């Protein structure tokens, strides 16, 4: 049995290997660095948390305090996402042979779960205000929530361009967008309270905000959980990958095909290709790796070549492939 592993790396971690296999390297542009966006977003949101907490207590507004709690969770979420964006860039070690790429997936999953837990606490507090209503200063609520809309809107804009390329950036964007929506709801509640005097509108709007944010967060939770379970990333259809490989010359059989996320931005692929005519050489494996990169954005591809149809390969019992 002969084998050939072909990896395509990008960015500053590109380096040569010598592991007894043939390796080829291609170049892709590294994902945009959102370090500045994370720093600005964190600073702005710490400021709005302090502002909403102080004036939420003064105005006795559950909606404003709920929004402050939500923003506080977002600060933690942004910090975690910020750290997760940097950890995958650390070099691999003898123990962590893929570096710390997986940390970005863990961070995205934690962010989604943490936000849902915070929303549960906010909903509970809002329900309590239905049974224990308090007078709410609507004008203060509107002014502070209005400032929140501006700050959260700016923060969301900072992450908007990267929300489709990295689930952690998407998480930060979702946090900021949900903040802006929540603040908008609080402004509306404050205005209605000023004109009607109905204090129950404050917790009612809070619950509506919670439902809206949960709907948006649920997709983030599903996506991050899917990556944590090493599912094939969305946007890649395994049948299409198999079809590409099956059209290669001299390939008689394909088995043990696996596709999984190494991080929130990188995808890995392995499979066994049976080539009865003999090993096709490095040029073949390099070409296949570039095809997988260009068509499916798979940056780390490993191909094992088997030249004998009768080769006893235990992995061929994998029914999924």
C-alpha atoms as a PDB file:
ATOM      1  CA  UNK A   1       0.000   0.000   0.000  1.00  0.00           C
ATOM      2  CA  UNK A   2       1.303   3.423  -0.871  1.00  0.00           C
ATOM      3  CA  UNK A   3      -0.174   6.644   0.262  1.00  0.00           C
ATOM      4  CA  UNK A   4      -0.035  10.300  -0.552  1.00  0.00           C
ATOM      5  CA  UNK A   5      -1.130  13.144   1.691  1.00  0.00           C
ATOM      6  CA  UNK A   6      -1.772  16.528   0.196  1.00  0.00           C
ATOM      7  CA  UNK A   7      -2.427  19.587   2.320  1.00  0.00           C
ATOM      8  CA  UNK A   8      -3.168  23.120   1.257  1.00  0.00           C
ATOM      9  CA  UNK A   9      -2.338  25.748   3.855  1.00  0.00           C
ATOM     10  CA  UNK A  10      -2.852  29.452   3.841  1.00  0.00           C
ATOM     11  CA  UNK A  11      -1.701  32.450   5.763  1.00  0.00           C
ATOM     12  CA  UNK A  12       1.319  32.762   8.027  1.00  0.00           C
ATOM     13  CA  UNK A  13       1.285  29.156   9.237  1.00  0.00           C
ATOM     14  CA  UNK A  14       2.419  27.855   5.847  1.00  0.00           C
ATOM     15  CA  UNK A  15       5.442  25.609   6.242  1.00  0.00           C
ATOM     16  CA  UNK A  16       7.083  22.564   4.695  1.00  0.00           C
ATOM     17  CA  UNK A  17       6.677  19.032   5.961  1.00  0.00           C
ATOM     18  CA  UNK A  18       8.591  15.795   5.756  1.00  0.00           C
ATOM     19  CA  UNK A  19       6.583  12.896   7.124  1.00  0.00           C
ATOM     20  CA  UNK A  20       7.335  10.198   4.609  1.00  0.00           C
ATOM     21  CA  UNK A  21       4.444  11.302   2.398  1.00  0.00           C
ATOM     22  CA  UNK A  22       4.223  13.572  -0.612  1.00  0.00           C
ATOM     23  CA  UNK A  23       2.928  17.011   0.295  1.00  0.00           C
ATOM     24  CA  UNK A  24       1.819  19.869  -1.844  1.00  0.00           C
ATOM     25  CA  UNK A  25       0.909  23.332  -0.730  1.00  0.00           C
ATOM     26  CA  UNK A  26      -1.419  25.906  -2.209  1.00  0.00           C
ATOM     27  CA  UNK A  27      -2.091  29.413  -1.064  1.00  0.00           C
ATOM     28  CA  UNK A  28      -5.325  31.081  -0.110  1.00  0.00           C
ATOM     29  CA  UNK A  29      -5.901  34.480   1.369  1.00  0.00           C
ATOM     30  CA  UNK A  30      -6.239  34.237   5.136  1.00  0.00           C
ATOM     31  CA  UNK A  31      -9.532  35.310   6.686  1.00  0.00           C
ATOM     32  CA  UNK A  32      -9.714  39.005   7.477  1.00  0.00           C
ATOM     33  CA  UNK A  33      -8.352  39.919  10.896  1.00  0.00           C
ATOM     34  CA  UNK A  34     -11.200  41.291  13.015  1.00  0.00           C
ATOM     35  CA  UNK A  35      -9.005  42.097  16.028  1.00  0.00           C
ATOM     36  CA  UNK A  36      -9.691  45.827  15.737  1.00  0.00           C
ATOM     37  CA  UNK A  37     -13.436  45.214  15.407  1.00  0.00           C
ATOM     38  CA  UNK A  38     -13.406  43.011  18.519  1.00  0.00           C
ATOM     39  CA  UNK A  39     -11.500  45.659  20.494  1.00  0.00           C
ATOM     40  CA  UNK A  40     -13.853  48.486  19.481  1.00  0.00           C
ATOM     41  CA  UNK A  41     -16.963  46.348  19.994  1.00  0.00           C
ATOM     42  CA  UNK A  42     -15.844  45.287  23.464  1.00  0.00           C
ATOM     43  CA  UNK A  43     -15.083  48.871  24.552  1.00  0.00           C
ATOM     44  CA  UNK A  44     -18.358  50.285  23.225  1.00  0.00           C
ATOM     45  CA  UNK A  45     -20.448  47.573  24.840  1.00  0.00           C
ATOM     46  CA  UNK A  46     -18.800  47.876  28.237  1.00  0.00           C
ATOM     47  CA  UNK A  47     -19.793  51.538  28.134  1.00  0.00           C
ATOM     48  CA  UNK A  48     -23.421  50.801  27.241  1.00  0.00           C
ATOM     49  CA  UNK A  49     -23.665  48.137  29.983  1.00  0.00           C
ATOM     50  CA  UNK A  50     -22.652  50.684  32.623  1.00  0.00           C
ATOM     51  CA  UNK A  51     -25.031  53.296  31.184  1.00  0.00           C
ATOM     52  CA  UNK A  52     -28.009  50.920  30.984  1.00  0.00           C
ATOM     53  CA  UNK A  53     -27.427  49.469  34.454  1.00  0.00           C
ATOM     54  CA  UNK A  54     -27.218  52.853  36.172  1.00  0.00           C
ATOM     55  CA  UNK A  55     -30.220  54.367  34.415  1.00  0.00           C
ATOM     56  CA  UNK A  56     -32.150  51.102  34.483  1.00  0.00           C
ATOM     57  CA  UNK A  57     -32.047  51.261  38.275  1.00  0.00           C
ATOM     58  CA  UNK A  58     -32.973  54.933  38.247  1.00  0.00           C
ATOM     59  CA  UNK A  59     -35.868  54.404  35.820  1.00  0.00           C
ATOM     60  CA  UNK A  60     -36.874  51.103  37.491  1.00  0.00           C
ATOM     61  CA  UNK A  61     -37.116  49.509  34.032  1.00  0.00           C
ATOM     62  CA  UNK A  62     -36.949  45.735  33.703  1.00  0.00           C
ATOM     63  CA  UNK A  63     -36.510  46.096  29.946  1.00  0.00           C
ATOM     64  CA  UNK A  64     -33.512  48.399  30.353  1.00  0.00           C
ATOM     65  CA  UNK A  65     -31.900  46.203  32.996  1.00  0.00           C
ATOM     66  CA  UNK A  66     -32.624  43.139  30.848  1.00  0.00           C
ATOM     67  CA  UNK A  67     -30.928  44.820  27.924  1.00  0.00           C
ATOM     68  CA  UNK A  68     -27.962  45.652  30.171  1.00  0.00           C
ATOM     69  CA  UNK A  69     -27.703  42.010  31.199  1.00  0.00           C
ATOM     70  CA  UNK A  70     -27.931  40.982  27.571  1.00  0.00           C
ATOM     71  CA  UNK A  71     -25.177  43.438  26.654  1.00  0.00           C
ATOM     72  CA  UNK A  72     -23.015  42.147  29.506  1.00  0.00           C
ATOM     73  CA  UNK A  73     -23.317  38.623  28.110  1.00  0.00           C
ATOM     74  CA  UNK A  74     -22.378  40.043  24.723  1.00  0.00           C
ATOM     75  CA  UNK A  75     -19.208  41.594  26.144  1.00  0.00           C
ATOM     76  CA  UNK A  76     -18.189  38.174  27.437  1.00  0.00           C
ATOM     77  CA  UNK A  77     -19.221  36.598  24.155  1.00  0.00           C
ATOM     78  CA  UNK A  78     -17.168  39.065  22.117  1.00  0.00           C
ATOM     79  CA  UNK A  79     -14.118  38.547  24.334  1.00  0.00           C
ATOM     80  CA  UNK A  80     -14.401  34.767  23.933  1.00  0.00           C
ATOM     81  CA  UNK A  81     -14.863  35.067  20.169  1.00  0.00           C
ATOM     82  CA  UNK A  82     -11.900  37.458  20.066  1.00  0.00           C
ATOM     83  CA  UNK A  83      -9.701  34.943  21.854  1.00  0.00           C
ATOM     84  CA  UNK A  84     -10.989  32.134  19.646  1.00  0.00           C
ATOM     85  CA  UNK A  85     -10.062  34.135  16.553  1.00  0.00           C
ATOM     86  CA  UNK A  86      -6.450  34.292  17.734  1.00  0.00           C
ATOM     87  CA  UNK A  87      -5.910  30.803  19.150  1.00  0.00           C
ATOM     88  CA  UNK A  88      -6.213  28.972  15.801  1.00  0.00           C
ATOM     89  CA  UNK A  89      -3.228  30.972  14.541  1.00  0.00           C
ATOM     90  CA  UNK A  90      -0.923  29.453  17.143  1.00  0.00           C
ATOM     91  CA  UNK A  91       1.529  26.931  15.680  1.00  0.00           C
ATOM     92  CA  UNK A  92       1.023  23.196  15.986  1.00  0.00           C
ATOM     93  CA  UNK A  93       2.901  21.219  18.620  1.00  0.00           C
ATOM     94  CA  UNK A  94       3.849  17.576  19.083  1.00  0.00           C
ATOM     95  CA  UNK A  95       0.732  17.123  21.226  1.00  0.00           C
ATOM     96  CA  UNK A  96      -1.656  19.444  19.371  1.00  0.00           C
ATOM     97  CA  UNK A  97      -0.746  18.491  15.830  1.00  0.00           C
ATOM     98  CA  UNK A  98      -3.453  20.733  14.350  1.00  0.00           C
ATOM     99  CA  UNK A  99      -2.636  23.616  16.640  1.00  0.00           C
ATOM    100  CA  UNK A 100      -5.582  25.081  18.566  1.00  0.00           C
ATOM    101  CA  UNK A 101      -7.935  25.416  15.606  1.00  0.00           C
ATOM    102  CA  UNK A 102     -10.710  23.526  17.408  1.00  0.00           C
ATOM    103  CA  UNK A 103     -10.878  26.213  20.098  1.00  0.00           C
ATOM    104  CA  UNK A 104     -12.830  28.447  17.721  1.00  0.00           C
ATOM    105  CA  UNK A 105     -15.591  25.820  17.496  1.00  0.00           C
ATOM    106  CA  UNK A 106     -15.728  25.422  21.286  1.00  0.00           C
ATOM    107  CA  UNK A 107     -15.971  29.203  21.688  1.00  0.00           C
ATOM    108  CA  UNK A 108     -18.820  29.470  19.184  1.00  0.00           C
ATOM    109  CA  UNK A 109     -20.748  26.712  20.962  1.00  0.00           C
ATOM    110  CA  UNK A 110     -20.163  28.294  24.381  1.00  0.00           C
ATOM    111  CA  UNK A 111     -21.295  31.664  23.062  1.00  0.00           C
ATOM    112  CA  UNK A 112     -24.585  30.274  21.789  1.00  0.00           C
ATOM    113  CA  UNK A 113     -25.323  28.305  24.976  1.00  0.00           C
ATOM    114  CA  UNK A 114     -24.331  31.191  27.247  1.00  0.00           C
ATOM    115  CA  UNK A 115     -26.567  33.631  25.385  1.00  0.00           C
ATOM    116  CA  UNK A 116     -29.551  31.273  25.693  1.00  0.00           C
ATOM    117  CA  UNK A 117     -28.951  30.908  29.441  1.00  0.00           C
ATOM    118  CA  UNK A 118     -28.800  34.699  29.873  1.00  0.00           C
ATOM    119  CA  UNK A 119     -32.013  35.072  27.869  1.00  0.00           C
ATOM    120  CA  UNK A 120     -33.698  32.582  30.203  1.00  0.00           C
ATOM    121  CA  UNK A 121     -32.762  34.753  33.189  1.00  0.00           C
ATOM    122  CA  UNK A 122     -34.007  37.885  31.434  1.00  0.00           C
ATOM    123  CA  UNK A 123     -37.339  36.214  30.634  1.00  0.00           C
ATOM    124  CA  UNK A 124     -37.734  35.115  34.250  1.00  0.00           C
ATOM    125  CA  UNK A 125     -37.152  38.661  35.498  1.00  0.00           C
ATOM    126  CA  UNK A 126     -39.684  40.031  33.006  1.00  0.00           C
ATOM    127  CA  UNK A 127     -42.335  37.532  34.160  1.00  0.00           C
ATOM    128  CA  UNK A 128     -41.670  38.557  37.764  1.00  0.00           C
ATOM    129  CA  UNK A 129     -42.408  42.186  36.843  1.00  0.00           C
ATOM    130  CA  UNK A 130     -45.860  41.165  35.625  1.00  0.00           C
ATOM    131  CA  UNK A 131     -46.747  40.025  39.144  1.00  0.00           C
ATOM    132  CA  UNK A 132     -44.812  42.835  40.847  1.00  0.00           C
ATOM    133  CA  UNK A 133     -45.331  45.896  38.606  1.00  0.00           C
ATOM    134  CA  UNK A 134     -43.301  49.043  39.239  1.00  0.00           C
ATOM    135  CA  UNK A 135     -43.535  52.593  37.928  1.00  0.00           C
ATOM    136  CA  UNK A 136     -41.251  53.074  34.936  1.00  0.00           C
ATOM    137  CA  UNK A 137     -39.672  56.375  33.827  1.00  0.00           C
ATOM    138  CA  UNK A 138     -40.289  56.123  30.094  1.00  0.00           C
ATOM    139  CA  UNK A 139     -38.269  59.174  29.042  1.00  0.00           C
ATOM    140  CA  UNK A 140     -35.077  57.878  30.653  1.00  0.00           C
ATOM    141  CA  UNK A 141     -35.701  54.461  29.154  1.00  0.00           C
ATOM    142  CA  UNK A 142     -36.038  55.919  25.638  1.00  0.00           C
ATOM    143  CA  UNK A 143     -32.918  58.082  25.899  1.00  0.00           C
ATOM    144  CA  UNK A 144     -30.627  55.323  27.175  1.00  0.00           C
ATOM    145  CA  UNK A 145     -32.027  52.678  24.831  1.00  0.00           C
ATOM    146  CA  UNK A 146     -31.590  55.120  21.931  1.00  0.00           C
ATOM    147  CA  UNK A 147     -27.901  55.373  22.754  1.00  0.00           C
ATOM    148  CA  UNK A 148     -27.822  51.580  22.835  1.00  0.00           C
ATOM    149  CA  UNK A 149     -29.215  51.367  19.295  1.00  0.00           C
ATOM    150  CA  UNK A 150     -26.417  53.601  17.976  1.00  0.00           C
ATOM    151  CA  UNK A 151     -23.619  51.756  19.784  1.00  0.00           C
ATOM    152  CA  UNK A 152     -24.926  48.265  18.931  1.00  0.00           C
ATOM    153  CA  UNK A 153     -25.554  49.295  15.335  1.00  0.00           C
ATOM    154  CA  UNK A 154     -21.971  50.502  14.939  1.00  0.00           C
ATOM    155  CA  UNK A 155     -20.663  47.306  16.543  1.00  0.00           C
ATOM    156  CA  UNK A 156     -22.790  45.092  14.264  1.00  0.00           C
ATOM    157  CA  UNK A 157     -21.508  47.003  11.218  1.00  0.00           C
ATOM    158  CA  UNK A 158     -17.912  46.248  12.263  1.00  0.00           C
ATOM    159  CA  UNK A 159     -18.588  42.493  12.043  1.00  0.00           C
ATOM    160  CA  UNK A 160     -21.036  42.460   9.121  1.00  0.00           C
ATOM    161  CA  UNK A 161     -18.484  41.744   6.398  1.00  0.00           C
ATOM    162  CA  UNK A 162     -17.136  38.621   8.112  1.00  0.00           C
ATOM    163  CA  UNK A 163     -20.343  37.019   9.351  1.00  0.00           C
ATOM    164  CA  UNK A 164     -20.492  34.489   6.496  1.00  0.00           C
ATOM    165  CA  UNK A 165     -16.852  33.428   6.668  1.00  0.00           C
ATOM    166  CA  UNK A 166     -16.393  32.655  10.375  1.00  0.00           C
ATOM    167  CA  UNK A 167     -19.028  31.406  12.810  1.00  0.00           C
ATOM    168  CA  UNK A 168     -17.342  33.306  15.670  1.00  0.00           C
ATOM    169  CA  UNK A 169     -17.552  36.587  13.766  1.00  0.00           C
ATOM    170  CA  UNK A 170     -21.128  35.623  12.941  1.00  0.00           C
ATOM    171  CA  UNK A 171     -21.746  35.094  16.649  1.00  0.00           C
ATOM    172  CA  UNK A 172     -20.368  38.555  17.467  1.00  0.00           C
ATOM    173  CA  UNK A 173     -22.507  40.039  14.684  1.00  0.00           C
ATOM    174  CA  UNK A 174     -25.613  38.244  16.010  1.00  0.00           C
ATOM    175  CA  UNK A 175     -24.897  39.537  19.514  1.00  0.00           C
ATOM    176  CA  UNK A 176     -24.627  43.116  18.298  1.00  0.00           C
ATOM    177  CA  UNK A 177     -27.617  42.915  15.970  1.00  0.00           C
ATOM    178  CA  UNK A 178     -29.765  41.430  18.723  1.00  0.00           C
ATOM    179  CA  UNK A 179     -28.635  44.260  21.009  1.00  0.00           C
ATOM    180  CA  UNK A 180     -29.758  46.850  18.480  1.00  0.00           C
ATOM    181  CA  UNK A 181     -33.138  45.125  18.081  1.00  0.00           C
ATOM    182  CA  UNK A 182     -33.536  44.825  21.831  1.00  0.00           C
ATOM    183  CA  UNK A 183     -32.731  48.499  22.330  1.00  0.00           C
ATOM    184  CA  UNK A 184     -35.240  49.422  19.613  1.00  0.00           C
ATOM    185  CA  UNK A 185     -37.896  47.433  21.444  1.00  0.00           C
ATOM    186  CA  UNK A 186     -37.026  49.188  24.697  1.00  0.00           C
ATOM    187  CA  UNK A 187     -37.376  52.599  22.991  1.00  0.00           C
ATOM    188  CA  UNK A 188     -40.823  51.618  21.734  1.00  0.00           C
ATOM    189  CA  UNK A 189     -41.807  50.402  25.191  1.00  0.00           C
ATOM    190  CA  UNK A 190     -40.598  53.639  26.765  1.00  0.00           C
ATOM    191  CA  UNK A 191     -42.595  55.731  24.304  1.00  0.00           C
ATOM    192  CA  UNK A 192     -45.769  53.729  24.897  1.00  0.00           C
ATOM    193  CA  UNK A 193     -45.323  53.954  28.662  1.00  0.00           C
ATOM    194  CA  UNK A 194     -44.958  57.751  28.427  1.00  0.00           C
ATOM    195  CA  UNK A 195     -48.173  58.099  26.409  1.00  0.00           C
ATOM    196  CA  UNK A 196     -50.291  55.407  28.104  1.00  0.00           C
ATOM    197  CA  UNK A 197     -48.845  54.918  31.568  1.00  0.00           C
ATOM    198  CA  UNK A 198     -49.074  51.133  31.106  1.00  0.00           C
ATOM    199  CA  UNK A 199     -46.158  49.765  33.133  1.00  0.00           C
ATOM    200  CA  UNK A 200     -46.892  46.200  32.002  1.00  0.00           C
ATOM    201  CA  UNK A 201     -45.585  47.122  28.534  1.00  0.00           C
ATOM    202  CA  UNK A 202     -42.040  47.088  29.907  1.00  0.00           C
ATOM    203  CA  UNK A 203     -41.916  43.339  30.763  1.00  0.00           C
ATOM    204  CA  UNK A 204     -44.134  42.506  27.774  1.00  0.00           C
ATOM    205  CA  UNK A 205     -41.685  44.058  25.328  1.00  0.00           C
ATOM    206  CA  UNK A 206     -38.847  42.346  27.164  1.00  0.00           C
ATOM    207  CA  UNK A 207     -40.412  38.920  26.501  1.00  0.00           C
ATOM    208  CA  UNK A 208     -40.944  39.759  22.825  1.00  0.00           C
ATOM    209  CA  UNK A 209     -37.294  40.770  22.557  1.00  0.00           C
ATOM    210  CA  UNK A 210     -36.226  37.507  24.202  1.00  0.00           C
ATOM    211  CA  UNK A 211     -38.240  35.439  21.713  1.00  0.00           C
ATOM    212  CA  UNK A 212     -36.767  37.313  18.740  1.00  0.00           C
ATOM    213  CA  UNK A 213     -33.204  36.876  19.984  1.00  0.00           C
ATOM    214  CA  UNK A 214     -33.719  33.176  20.750  1.00  0.00           C
ATOM    215  CA  UNK A 215     -34.869  32.604  17.179  1.00  0.00           C
ATOM    216  CA  UNK A 216     -31.673  34.155  15.865  1.00  0.00           C
ATOM    217  CA  UNK A 217     -29.449  32.409  18.397  1.00  0.00           C
ATOM    218  CA  UNK A 218     -30.924  28.975  17.722  1.00  0.00           C
ATOM    219  CA  UNK A 219     -29.349  28.881  14.258  1.00  0.00           C
ATOM    220  CA  UNK A 220     -25.960  29.793  15.743  1.00  0.00           C
ATOM    221  CA  UNK A 221     -26.332  27.011  18.328  1.00  0.00           C
ATOM    222  CA  UNK A 222     -27.185  24.424  15.672  1.00  0.00           C
ATOM    223  CA  UNK A 223     -24.285  25.482  13.454  1.00  0.00           C
ATOM    224  CA  UNK A 224     -21.721  25.448  16.261  1.00  0.00           C
ATOM    225  CA  UNK A 225     -22.997  22.135  17.649  1.00  0.00           C
ATOM    226  CA  UNK A 226     -22.792  20.632  14.169  1.00  0.00           C
ATOM    227  CA  UNK A 227     -19.157  21.708  13.882  1.00  0.00           C
ATOM    228  CA  UNK A 228     -18.385  20.409  17.369  1.00  0.00           C
ATOM    229  CA  UNK A 229     -19.738  17.008  16.293  1.00  0.00           C
ATOM    230  CA  UNK A 230     -17.455  17.065  13.212  1.00  0.00           C
ATOM    231  CA  UNK A 231     -20.367  17.146  10.768  1.00  0.00           C
ATOM    232  CA  UNK A 232     -19.695  18.029   7.139  1.00  0.00           C
ATOM    233  CA  UNK A 233     -19.742  21.856   7.007  1.00  0.00           C
ATOM    234  CA  UNK A 234     -22.796  23.447   5.464  1.00  0.00           C
ATOM    235  CA  UNK A 235     -22.149  24.410   1.875  1.00  0.00           C
ATOM    236  CA  UNK A 236     -20.299  21.179   1.118  1.00  0.00           C
ATOM    237  CA  UNK A 237     -22.259  18.246  -0.286  1.00  0.00           C
ATOM    238  CA  UNK A 238     -20.382  14.936   0.301  1.00  0.00           C
ATOM    239  CA  UNK A 239     -21.984  13.379  -2.781  1.00  0.00           C
ATOM    240  CA  UNK A 240     -20.504  16.127  -4.946  1.00  0.00           C
ATOM    241  CA  UNK A 241     -17.053  15.564  -3.446  1.00  0.00           C
ATOM    242  CA  UNK A 242     -17.369  11.830  -4.099  1.00  0.00           C
ATOM    243  CA  UNK A 243     -18.549  12.515  -7.630  1.00  0.00           C
ATOM    244  CA  UNK A 244     -15.504  14.717  -8.303  1.00  0.00           C
ATOM    245  CA  UNK A 245     -13.144  12.013  -7.052  1.00  0.00           C
ATOM    246  CA  UNK A 246     -14.920   9.252  -8.971  1.00  0.00           C
ATOM    247  CA  UNK A 247     -14.353  11.073 -12.262  1.00  0.00           C
ATOM    248  CA  UNK A 248     -10.572  11.039 -11.803  1.00  0.00           C
ATOM    249  CA  UNK A 249      -8.691   8.816 -14.275  1.00  0.00           C
ATOM    250  CA  UNK A 250      -7.762   5.276 -13.195  1.00  0.00           C
ATOM    251  CA  UNK A 251      -9.843   5.425  -9.965  1.00  0.00           C
ATOM    252  CA  UNK A 252     -11.758   2.161  -9.518  1.00  0.00           C
ATOM    253  CA  UNK A 253     -13.135   2.681  -6.028  1.00  0.00           C
ATOM    254  CA  UNK A 254     -13.401   5.293  -3.268  1.00  0.00           C
ATOM    255  CA  UNK A 255     -13.890   4.582   0.414  1.00  0.00           C
ATOM    256  CA  UNK A 256     -13.364   6.014   3.896  1.00  0.00           C
ATOM    257  CA  UNK A 257     -14.278   9.517   2.747  1.00  0.00           C
ATOM    258  CA  UNK A 258     -14.514  11.988   5.620  1.00  0.00           C
ATOM    259  CA  UNK A 259     -15.046  15.754   5.649  1.00  0.00           C
ATOM    260  CA  UNK A 260     -15.023  17.753   8.869  1.00  0.00           C
ATOM    261  CA  UNK A 261     -14.313  21.257  10.219  1.00  0.00           C
ATOM    262  CA  UNK A 262     -10.890  21.789  11.785  1.00  0.00           C
ATOM    263  CA  UNK A 263     -11.958  25.235  12.949  1.00  0.00           C
ATOM    264  CA  UNK A 264     -14.735  27.697  12.211  1.00  0.00           C
ATOM    265  CA  UNK A 265     -13.001  28.647   8.942  1.00  0.00           C
ATOM    266  CA  UNK A 266     -11.018  25.570   7.835  1.00  0.00           C
ATOM    267  CA  UNK A 267     -12.173  22.209   6.497  1.00  0.00           C
ATOM    268  CA  UNK A 268     -10.292  18.904   6.332  1.00  0.00           C
ATOM    269  CA  UNK A 269     -10.828  15.893   4.089  1.00  0.00           C
ATOM    270  CA  UNK A 270      -9.490  12.339   3.936  1.00  0.00           C
ATOM    271  CA  UNK A 271     -10.279   9.385   1.690  1.00  0.00           C
ATOM    272  CA  UNK A 272      -8.830   6.200   0.186  1.00  0.00           C
ATOM    273  CA  UNK A 273      -8.568   5.970  -3.591  1.00  0.00           C
ATOM    274  CA  UNK A 274      -8.055   2.572  -5.229  1.00  0.00           C
ATOM    275  CA  UNK A 275      -5.831   2.906  -8.325  1.00  0.00           C
ATOM    276  CA  UNK A 276      -5.095  -0.589  -9.773  1.00  0.00           C
ATOM    277  CA  UNK A 277      -2.757   0.824 -12.455  1.00  0.00           C
ATOM    278  CA  UNK A 278      -0.298   2.055  -9.841  1.00  0.00           C
ATOM    279  CA  UNK A 279       0.426   5.184  -7.877  1.00  0.00           C
ATOM    280  CA  UNK A 280      -0.427   8.202 -10.086  1.00  0.00           C
ATOM    281  CA  UNK A 281       2.313  10.383  -8.615  1.00  0.00           C
ATOM    282  CA  UNK A 282       2.609  13.704  -6.845  1.00  0.00           C
ATOM    283  CA  UNK A 283       1.221  15.766  -9.708  1.00  0.00           C
ATOM    284  CA  UNK A 284      -2.033  13.830  -9.468  1.00  0.00           C
ATOM    285  CA  UNK A 285      -2.456  14.378  -5.717  1.00  0.00           C
ATOM    286  CA  UNK A 286      -1.558  18.050  -6.026  1.00  0.00           C
ATOM    287  CA  UNK A 287      -4.136  18.536  -8.763  1.00  0.00           C
ATOM    288  CA  UNK A 288      -6.847  16.809  -6.710  1.00  0.00           C
ATOM    289  CA  UNK A 289      -6.006  18.922  -3.653  1.00  0.00           C
ATOM    290  CA  UNK A 290      -6.319  22.105  -5.673  1.00  0.00           C
ATOM    291  CA  UNK A 291      -9.650  20.935  -7.117  1.00  0.00           C
ATOM    292  CA  UNK A 292     -10.989  20.288  -3.609  1.00  0.00           C
ATOM    293  CA  UNK A 293      -9.753  23.690  -2.459  1.00  0.00           C
ATOM    294  CA  UNK A 294     -11.136  25.615  -5.412  1.00  0.00           C
ATOM    295  CA  UNK A 295     -14.524  23.897  -5.627  1.00  0.00           C
ATOM    296  CA  UNK A 296     -15.271  23.132  -1.981  1.00  0.00           C
ATOM    297  CA  UNK A 297     -12.849  25.375  -0.007  1.00  0.00           C
ATOM    298  CA  UNK A 298     -11.264  22.287   1.551  1.00  0.00           C
ATOM    299  CA  UNK A 299      -7.807  23.497   2.559  1.00  0.00           C
ATOM    300  CA  UNK A 300      -6.471  20.320   4.191  1.00  0.00           C
ATOM    301  CA  UNK A 301      -6.876  17.244   1.995  1.00  0.00           C
ATOM    302  CA  UNK A 302      -5.254  13.844   2.574  1.00  0.00           C
ATOM    303  CA  UNK A 303      -5.490  11.160  -0.103  1.00  0.00           C
ATOM    304  CA  UNK A 304      -4.417   7.591   0.553  1.00  0.00           C
ATOM    305  CA  UNK A 305      -3.656   5.647  -2.623  1.00  0.00           C
ATOM    306  CA  UNK A 306      -4.227   1.895  -2.667  1.00  0.00           C
ATOM    307  CA  UNK A 307      -3.011   0.024  -5.764  1.00  0.00           C
ATOM    308  CA  UNK A 308      -4.391  -3.431  -4.995  1.00  0.00           C
ATOM    309  CA  UNK A 309      -8.138  -4.131  -5.119  1.00  0.00           C
ATOM    310  CA  UNK A 310      -7.602  -6.928  -2.602  1.00  0.00           C
ATOM    311  CA  UNK A 311      -5.880  -4.742  -0.028  1.00  0.00           C
ATOM    312  CA  UNK A 312      -7.320  -5.504   3.387  1.00  0.00           C
ATOM    313  CA  UNK A 313      -8.464  -2.113   4.644  1.00  0.00           C
ATOM    314  CA  UNK A 314     -10.416  -2.210   7.899  1.00  0.00           C
ATOM    315  CA  UNK A 315     -11.907   1.221   7.235  1.00  0.00           C
ATOM    316  CA  UNK A 316     -13.885  -0.009   4.205  1.00  0.00           C
ATOM    317  CA  UNK A 317     -16.517  -1.282   6.653  1.00  0.00           C
ATOM    318  CA  UNK A 318     -17.590   2.280   7.272  1.00  0.00           C
ATOM    319  CA  UNK A 319     -21.196   2.173   6.027  1.00  0.00           C
ATOM    320  CA  UNK A 320     -21.492   5.964   5.950  1.00  0.00           C
ATOM    321  CA  UNK A 321     -19.037   6.237   3.059  1.00  0.00           C
END
